[in-house]
Amino acid sequence: METINGKRNVPMIVSAVGGITLGWFIKNYLSKQRQLEEHQSIVERLKEFERQLYEDGQKRAKAIESIQEEVTNKI
């Protein structure tokens, strides 16, 4: 890695190391972003499950209430 003058090609070495380091940081950043997205999707799935469970509970409560009204009206 010496030039014709006998000087080292420092800028080339520094840019190569900088490129490798930058690539490593970008790879880690993207990996962490993907992990966060996966966690968000799990959270979103849980929220959707909770919402569906709530709606099912409301439907059952309405059904029970209508049965109670029928029983009350017959008595």
Protein backbone atom coordinates (compact mmCIF):
# COMPACT_ATOMS: atom_id res chain seq x y z
CA MET A 1 0.00 0.00 0.00
CA GLU A 2 2.69 2.42 -0.90
CA THR A 3 2.55 4.91 -3.70
CA ILE A 4 5.35 5.66 -6.11
CA ASN A 5 6.62 8.41 -3.79
CA GLY A 6 6.97 5.96 -0.89
CA LYS A 7 4.11 7.53 1.04
CA ARG A 8 1.31 5.39 2.40
CA ASN A 9 -2.06 5.73 0.84
CA VAL A 10 -3.75 6.81 4.08
CA PRO A 11 -6.91 8.30 2.54
CA MET A 12 -7.65 5.01 0.79
CA ILE A 13 -7.23 3.01 4.00
CA VAL A 14 -9.31 5.48 6.01
CA SER A 15 -12.11 5.45 3.45
CA ALA A 16 -12.13 1.62 3.36
CA VAL A 17 -12.32 1.40 7.14
CA GLY A 18 -14.98 4.11 7.20
CA GLY A 19 -17.02 2.28 4.56
CA ILE A 20 -16.83 -0.99 6.48
CA THR A 21 -17.80 0.74 9.71
CA LEU A 22 -20.68 2.60 8.07
CA GLY A 23 -21.94 -0.63 6.49
CA TRP A 24 -21.80 -2.38 9.86
CA PHE A 25 -23.76 0.44 11.55
CA ILE A 26 -26.39 0.43 8.80
CA LYS A 27 -26.75 -3.36 9.05
CA ASN A 28 -27.26 -3.18 12.81
CA TYR A 29 -29.71 -0.28 12.51
CA LEU A 30 -31.84 -2.08 9.93
CA SER A 31 -31.77 -5.25 12.00
CA LYS A 32 -33.04 -3.37 15.06
CA GLN A 33 -35.76 -1.69 12.98
CA ARG A 34 -36.97 -5.07 11.73
CA GLN A 35 -37.08 -6.38 15.29
CA LEU A 36 -39.13 -3.35 16.38
CA GLU A 37 -41.53 -3.87 13.48
CA GLU A 38 -41.96 -7.52 14.50
CA HIS A 39 -42.70 -6.46 18.07
CA GLN A 40 -45.16 -3.87 16.85
CA SER A 41 -46.95 -6.47 14.80
CA ILE A 42 -47.22 -8.68 17.88
CA VAL A 43 -48.61 -5.73 19.85
CA GLU A 44 -51.02 -4.95 17.02
CA ARG A 45 -52.15 -8.57 16.93
CA LEU A 46 -52.75 -8.50 20.67
CA LYS A 47 -54.74 -5.28 20.37
CA GLU A 48 -56.81 -6.81 17.57
CA PHE A 49 -57.43 -9.93 19.66
CA GLU A 50 -58.49 -7.80 22.63
CA ARG A 51 -60.84 -5.74 20.44
CA GLN A 52 -62.39 -8.89 18.98
CA LEU A 53 -62.79 -10.37 22.45
CA TYR A 54 -64.52 -7.17 23.62
CA GLU A 55 -66.89 -7.20 20.64
CA ASP A 56 -67.73 -10.86 21.26
CA GLY A 57 -68.44 -10.04 24.90
CA GLN A 58 -70.77 -7.24 23.87
CA LYS A 59 -72.66 -9.57 21.52
CA ARG A 60 -73.07 -12.15 24.26
CA ALA A 61 -74.15 -9.51 26.76
CA LYS A 62 -76.83 -8.31 24.33
CA ALA A 63 -77.99 -11.89 23.77
CA ILE A 64 -78.22 -12.53 27.51
CA GLU A 65 -80.05 -9.23 28.00
CA SER A 66 -82.62 -10.14 25.33
CA ILE A 67 -83.14 -13.55 26.99
CA GLN A 68 -83.66 -11.84 30.34
CA GLU A 69 -86.22 -9.49 28.76
CA GLU A 70 -88.08 -12.45 27.24
CA VAL A 71 -88.18 -14.22 30.60
CA THR A 72 -89.33 -11.05 32.33
CA ASN A 73 -92.08 -10.48 29.73
CA LYS A 74 -93.36 -14.08 30.10
CA ILE A 75 -93.59 -13.79 33.85
